[in-house]
Amino acid sequence: MKHLIFMLAALLPMLAFAADENDTTFTVKDKKIVVDVNDDKTVVTVYNKNGYEMSKTRELEFIDGQEVERVYVGSPFVPAENLQNIKFRPHYPTVWFGFTAPSKGVFSSSKGDTHLRRSKSFELGFTPWSVAFPFNKARTFGLTAAVQVAWVHQCFQKDYGVSQDGDRFVYTQLDPRAKGNNMNYAAFRLPVMLSYQEDYSNAQMSLGLSFEVRTNASYRLTPADGMTTDGYPDYLRLRRCGLNLEYSLSIGPVIMSATVGLTPLFKTQTGTNAYMHSAKLGVDVLELCRMLKGNGKKK
């Protein structure tokens, strides 16, 4: 790819005097290269051929001796052969599994009277789209963003049934204890993070915020023998929107991350706020494909 760009750069002075106002197109092996000269701006675009479709992989602009490179977007739906090779990438987990850790405060370890249970509580997530904007020429520091979808399974203590009074959770003590007591809800997150990555194949660290939109939670109470679920709802209303603190550390395709809820998930009848936190382990499928592809070339 570098050889192609250098070759085109050498041809730019001749193209500037071309009489044809249309784009100039080159075909080198399986790549289509289009050069467009407009006043003092020269745009070089490189396409890869994927079957019958031409997919843009790189675009450069040359203006007054300066080179401007376009931002690249990552998605698990892009074929491995079309993956870009620039260093700075979003580096979000394509899929992840996490353990939830609810509390009564942002940085508190106590659950208070929220009656939430950490054991057997978890979340599953998926990142369908991400993007990265490098701030420096070395592409070691920049801004990343993504669209994420999470499914959360959160358990309650089995000796308290849950209902609602307005927008507040109300707990009723159960005797005997229920066999199962949990809620499930979906969350849509939009993280925006500052990322530092000295070498993408080694380590990367990011810190930022995520905006979260939630569905209502489906509530499932499995009573003990001889008990009924009369008086308990099928769903619970959660705070629709929230804000989280996000942190991630990655080594190759493996990503360890944490989400800290900065706004409450719900409030109890006694006025206690419940915050949701999670510790997650995920895999960046795009980077895994790049790694496997690179190892295949070395053989």
Protein backbone atom coordinates (compact mmCIF):
# COMPACT_ATOMS: atom_id res chain seq x y z
CA MET A 1 0.00 0.00 0.00
CA LYS A 2 2.81 2.46 0.84
CA HIS A 3 4.48 1.75 -2.52
CA LEU A 4 1.22 2.56 -4.31
CA ILE A 5 0.83 5.89 -2.50
CA PHE A 6 4.45 6.87 -3.19
CA MET A 7 3.99 6.05 -6.87
CA LEU A 8 0.87 8.22 -7.04
CA ALA A 9 2.59 11.08 -5.24
CA ALA A 10 5.26 11.08 -7.95
CA LEU A 11 2.56 11.30 -10.64
CA LEU A 12 0.65 14.18 -9.06
CA PRO A 13 2.55 17.01 -10.88
CA MET A 14 1.69 15.47 -14.24
CA LEU A 15 -1.94 14.98 -13.25
CA ALA A 16 -2.25 18.63 -12.30
CA PHE A 17 -1.74 19.63 -15.93
CA ALA A 18 -4.08 17.02 -17.38
CA ALA A 19 -6.64 18.45 -19.77
CA ASP A 20 -9.34 15.94 -18.79
CA GLU A 21 -11.46 17.25 -15.94
CA ASN A 22 -12.68 13.75 -14.96
CA ASP A 23 -11.04 11.63 -12.29
CA THR A 24 -7.95 9.66 -13.24
CA THR A 25 -8.24 5.95 -12.40
CA PHE A 26 -5.51 3.34 -12.04
CA THR A 27 -5.99 -0.39 -11.59
CA VAL A 28 -3.12 -2.19 -9.83
CA LYS A 29 -3.74 -5.91 -9.23
CA ASP A 30 -7.01 -6.05 -7.23
CA LYS A 31 -6.99 -2.36 -6.23
CA LYS A 32 -8.66 0.56 -7.92
CA ILE A 33 -6.99 3.96 -7.35
CA VAL A 34 -8.79 7.19 -8.17
CA VAL A 35 -7.01 10.57 -8.27
CA ASP A 36 -9.08 13.75 -8.34
CA VAL A 37 -7.45 17.19 -8.77
CA ASN A 38 -9.66 20.13 -7.79
CA ASP A 39 -7.95 23.55 -7.68
CA ASP A 40 -5.23 23.26 -5.02
CA LYS A 41 -6.55 20.00 -3.52
CA THR A 42 -5.59 16.53 -4.69
CA VAL A 43 -7.55 13.54 -3.37
CA VAL A 44 -6.24 9.98 -3.69
CA THR A 45 -8.74 7.21 -2.97
CA VAL A 46 -7.92 3.50 -2.83
CA TYR A 47 -10.59 0.82 -3.26
CA ASN A 48 -10.46 -2.93 -2.64
CA LYS A 49 -12.52 -5.23 -4.83
CA ASN A 50 -14.86 -7.44 -2.83
CA GLY A 51 -16.75 -9.53 -5.37
CA TYR A 52 -18.73 -7.08 -7.48
CA GLU A 53 -18.57 -4.29 -4.91
CA MET A 54 -15.77 -1.75 -4.57
CA SER A 55 -15.09 -0.95 -0.92
CA LYS A 56 -13.17 2.22 0.00
CA THR A 57 -10.25 1.45 2.30
CA ARG A 58 -8.21 4.66 2.33
CA GLU A 59 -8.43 8.28 1.28
CA LEU A 60 -5.67 10.91 1.33
CA GLU A 61 -5.81 14.63 0.59
CA PHE A 62 -2.78 16.69 -0.44
CA ILE A 63 -3.22 20.45 0.15
CA ASP A 64 -0.30 22.92 0.13
CA GLY A 65 2.23 20.21 0.88
CA GLN A 66 0.16 18.80 3.77
CA GLU A 67 -1.23 15.27 3.90
CA VAL A 68 -4.65 14.64 5.45
CA GLU A 69 -5.86 11.10 6.10
CA ARG A 70 -9.52 10.20 6.58
CA VAL A 71 -10.92 8.63 9.78
CA TYR A 72 -11.52 4.85 9.67
CA VAL A 73 -14.50 3.02 11.10
CA GLY A 74 -14.46 -0.50 12.54
CA SER A 75 -17.31 -3.02 12.48
CA PRO A 76 -17.51 -6.79 13.00
CA PHE A 77 -19.47 -6.99 9.73
CA VAL A 78 -16.44 -5.91 7.65
CA PRO A 79 -14.60 -8.85 5.99
CA ALA A 80 -11.14 -9.56 7.40
CA GLU A 81 -9.48 -8.96 4.04
CA ASN A 82 -10.74 -5.34 4.06
CA LEU A 83 -9.42 -4.44 7.52
CA GLN A 84 -7.31 -1.28 7.63
CA ASN A 85 -3.74 -1.31 8.86
CA ILE A 86 -3.54 2.11 10.51
CA LYS A 87 -2.28 1.97 14.09
CA PHE A 88 -4.96 3.93 15.98
CA ARG A 89 -8.18 1.94 16.28
CA PRO A 90 -11.30 2.08 18.49
CA HIS A 91 -10.52 -1.15 20.36
CA TYR A 92 -13.88 -1.95 21.93
CA PRO A 93 -14.92 -5.51 22.80
CA THR A 94 -17.05 -7.02 20.05
CA VAL A 95 -18.59 -9.35 22.67
CA TRP A 96 -18.16 -9.39 26.44
CA PHE A 97 -19.28 -11.03 29.67
CA GLY A 98 -19.37 -9.13 32.94
CA PHE A 99 -20.25 -9.48 36.62
CA THR A 100 -22.53 -6.79 38.07
CA ALA A 101 -21.81 -5.14 41.43
CA PRO A 102 -24.75 -2.97 42.58
CA SER A 103 -24.35 -0.54 45.47
CA LYS A 104 -26.11 2.34 47.24
CA GLY A 105 -23.50 4.89 46.08
CA VAL A 106 -21.26 5.72 43.14
CA PHE A 107 -18.07 4.53 44.83
CA SER A 108 -19.66 2.56 47.67
CA SER A 109 -19.34 -1.19 48.26
CA SER A 110 -22.48 -1.37 50.43
CA LYS A 111 -25.82 -2.40 48.90
CA GLY A 112 -27.83 -0.77 51.70
CA ASP A 113 -31.53 -1.62 51.59
CA THR A 114 -31.61 -2.10 47.81
CA HIS A 115 -31.75 -5.89 48.44
CA LEU A 116 -29.79 -6.55 45.24
CA ARG A 117 -27.62 -9.66 45.06
CA ARG A 118 -24.23 -9.90 43.34
CA SER A 119 -24.06 -13.68 43.10
CA LYS A 120 -25.42 -15.08 39.81
CA SER A 121 -25.89 -11.53 38.47
CA PHE A 122 -24.23 -10.76 35.15
CA GLU A 123 -24.39 -8.88 31.85
CA LEU A 124 -23.73 -9.83 28.22
CA GLY A 125 -22.81 -7.25 25.61
CA PHE A 126 -22.13 -6.60 21.94
CA THR A 127 -20.49 -3.69 20.06
CA PRO A 128 -21.84 -3.41 16.49
CA TRP A 129 -20.04 -0.16 15.57
CA SER A 130 -17.04 1.90 16.70
CA VAL A 131 -14.87 4.75 15.42
CA ALA A 132 -11.53 6.38 16.31
CA PHE A 133 -10.11 9.89 15.81
CA PRO A 134 -6.33 10.23 16.41
CA PHE A 135 -5.18 13.58 17.80
CA ASN A 136 -1.47 13.36 16.97
CA LYS A 137 0.55 12.35 13.93
CA ALA A 138 2.03 9.34 15.71
CA ARG A 139 -1.53 8.06 16.28
CA THR A 140 -0.90 7.21 19.93
CA PHE A 141 -3.59 9.41 21.51
CA GLY A 142 -7.10 10.22 20.43
CA LEU A 143 -10.84 9.95 20.89
CA THR A 144 -12.91 6.79 20.39
CA ALA A 145 -16.66 6.20 20.37
CA ALA A 146 -18.97 3.22 19.95
CA VAL A 147 -22.51 1.91 19.98
CA GLN A 148 -23.05 -0.93 22.47
CA VAL A 149 -25.94 -3.17 23.47
CA ALA A 150 -26.03 -4.96 26.84
CA TRP A 151 -28.43 -7.46 28.44
CA VAL A 152 -28.39 -7.42 32.25
CA HIS A 153 -29.57 -10.21 34.56
CA GLN A 154 -29.79 -8.84 38.10
CA CYS A 155 -30.83 -10.91 41.12
CA PHE A 156 -32.59 -9.76 44.29
CA GLN A 157 -32.31 -11.31 47.72
CA LYS A 158 -34.68 -14.25 47.87
CA ASP A 159 -36.39 -13.16 51.10
CA TYR A 160 -37.77 -9.90 49.62
CA GLY A 161 -40.42 -9.58 46.92
CA VAL A 162 -40.36 -6.42 44.77
CA SER A 163 -43.23 -4.15 43.71
CA GLN A 164 -43.48 -0.42 42.93
CA ASP A 165 -45.11 2.63 44.41
CA GLY A 166 -44.89 5.28 41.69
CA ASP A 167 -41.27 5.20 40.53
CA ARG A 168 -39.89 3.71 43.77
CA PHE A 169 -39.14 0.08 44.55
CA VAL A 170 -41.08 -1.41 47.49
CA TYR A 171 -39.87 -4.57 49.25
CA THR A 172 -42.01 -7.10 51.08
CA GLN A 173 -40.33 -9.73 53.26
CA LEU A 174 -41.04 -13.31 52.17
CA ASP A 175 -41.40 -16.27 54.48
CA PRO A 176 -40.43 -18.80 53.30
CA ARG A 177 -37.78 -17.54 50.88
CA ALA A 178 -38.52 -17.54 47.15
CA LYS A 179 -36.86 -20.05 44.85
CA GLY A 180 -35.90 -17.32 42.36
CA ASN A 181 -36.03 -13.52 42.38
CA ASN A 182 -34.54 -11.47 39.54
CA MET A 183 -35.06 -8.87 36.82
CA ASN A 184 -33.76 -8.59 33.25
CA TYR A 185 -33.36 -5.46 31.13
CA ALA A 186 -31.56 -4.20 28.03
CA ALA A 187 -29.26 -1.18 27.95
CA PHE A 188 -27.99 0.82 24.96
CA ARG A 189 -24.68 2.59 25.63
CA LEU A 190 -22.81 5.27 23.71
CA PRO A 191 -19.27 5.42 25.16
CA VAL A 192 -16.91 8.29 24.28
CA MET A 193 -13.37 7.74 25.57
CA LEU A 194 -9.86 9.18 25.45
CA SER A 195 -7.48 6.42 24.38
CA TYR A 196 -3.72 6.03 24.64
CA GLN A 197 -2.14 3.22 22.60
CA GLU A 198 1.63 3.16 22.17
CA ASP A 199 1.44 0.03 20.04
CA TYR A 200 -1.97 -1.38 19.20
CA SER A 201 -0.71 -4.98 19.18
CA ASN A 202 0.52 -4.64 22.77
CA ALA A 203 -1.35 -2.51 25.32
CA GLN A 204 -4.00 0.19 25.17
CA MET A 205 -5.79 2.16 27.89
CA SER A 206 -8.96 4.26 27.66
CA LEU A 207 -11.00 6.41 30.04
CA GLY A 208 -14.26 8.21 29.39
CA LEU A 209 -18.02 8.39 29.83
CA SER A 210 -20.97 6.53 28.38
CA PHE A 211 -24.56 7.64 27.97
CA GLU A 212 -27.04 4.83 28.66
CA VAL A 213 -30.68 4.30 27.70
CA ARG A 214 -32.56 1.40 29.37
CA THR A 215 -35.72 -0.57 28.81
CA ASN A 216 -38.08 -1.44 31.63
CA ALA A 217 -37.07 -4.60 33.49
CA SER A 218 -39.02 -7.82 33.27
CA TYR A 219 -39.50 -9.15 36.82
CA ARG A 220 -39.61 -12.84 37.68
CA LEU A 221 -40.45 -14.09 41.16
CA THR A 222 -40.47 -17.86 41.61
CA PRO A 223 -42.26 -18.47 44.92
CA ALA A 224 -41.65 -21.29 47.36
CA ASP A 225 -44.08 -24.21 47.41
CA GLY A 226 -47.48 -23.13 48.63
CA MET A 227 -46.86 -19.42 47.91
CA THR A 228 -48.29 -17.28 45.08
CA THR A 229 -47.05 -14.30 43.07
CA ASP A 230 -50.30 -12.35 43.48
CA GLY A 231 -49.61 -8.65 44.01
CA TYR A 232 -46.23 -8.68 42.28
CA PRO A 233 -45.77 -7.02 38.85
CA ASP A 234 -44.46 -8.56 35.63
CA TYR A 235 -42.14 -5.63 35.02
CA LEU A 236 -40.36 -2.87 36.96
CA ARG A 237 -39.82 0.71 35.78
CA LEU A 238 -36.17 1.79 35.78
CA ARG A 239 -34.64 5.21 35.31
CA ARG A 240 -34.77 5.56 31.54
CA CYS A 241 -31.41 7.31 31.07
CA GLY A 242 -28.10 7.18 32.88
CA LEU A 243 -24.45 8.22 32.77
CA ASN A 244 -21.47 5.93 33.43
CA LEU A 245 -17.73 6.20 33.96
CA GLU A 246 -15.88 3.83 31.60
CA TYR A 247 -12.37 2.38 31.81
CA SER A 248 -10.68 -0.26 29.66
CA LEU A 249 -7.29 -1.92 29.41
CA SER A 250 -6.45 -4.21 26.49
CA ILE A 251 -3.67 -6.56 25.50
CA GLY A 252 -4.03 -7.60 21.88
CA PRO A 253 -7.64 -8.74 21.28
CA VAL A 254 -8.39 -9.26 25.00
CA ILE A 255 -10.11 -6.32 26.71
CA MET A 256 -10.67 -5.87 30.44
CA SER A 257 -13.06 -3.07 31.31
CA ALA A 258 -15.18 -1.60 34.07
CA THR A 259 -18.38 0.46 34.09
CA VAL A 260 -19.26 2.61 37.10
CA GLY A 261 -22.77 4.01 37.28
CA LEU A 262 -22.75 7.74 38.03
CA THR A 263 -26.55 8.06 38.11
CA PRO A 264 -29.02 5.75 39.92
CA LEU A 265 -30.75 2.80 38.30
CA PHE A 266 -33.75 3.17 40.63
CA LYS A 267 -34.74 4.51 44.05
CA THR A 268 -36.23 2.52 46.95
CA GLN A 269 -39.25 3.53 49.01
CA THR A 270 -36.90 4.62 51.80
CA GLY A 271 -35.07 6.99 49.45
CA THR A 272 -31.94 4.89 48.87
CA ASN A 273 -30.54 5.09 45.34
CA ALA A 274 -29.30 1.93 43.63
CA TYR A 275 -26.28 2.24 41.33
CA MET A 276 -25.14 -0.41 38.87
CA HIS A 277 -21.47 -1.23 38.27
CA SER A 278 -19.82 -4.05 36.34
CA ALA A 279 -16.43 -5.65 35.66
CA LYS A 280 -16.14 -7.15 32.16
CA LEU A 281 -13.91 -9.32 30.02
CA GLY A 282 -14.30 -9.18 26.24
CA VAL A 283 -12.73 -9.97 22.88
CA ASP A 284 -12.14 -7.60 19.96
CA VAL A 285 -12.99 -9.88 17.02
CA LEU A 286 -11.55 -7.43 14.47
CA GLU A 287 -8.15 -7.42 16.17
CA LEU A 288 -8.29 -11.21 16.55
CA CYS A 289 -8.83 -11.50 12.78
CA ARG A 290 -5.91 -9.13 12.14
CA MET A 291 -3.71 -11.18 14.44
CA LEU A 292 -4.64 -14.47 12.79
CA LYS A 293 -4.21 -12.95 9.33
CA GLY A 294 -0.78 -11.60 10.28
CA ASN A 295 0.33 -14.96 11.67
CA GLY A 296 -0.86 -16.63 8.48
CA LYS A 297 1.34 -14.35 6.34
CA LYS A 298 4.42 -15.16 8.43
CA LYS A 299 4.13 -18.88 7.72
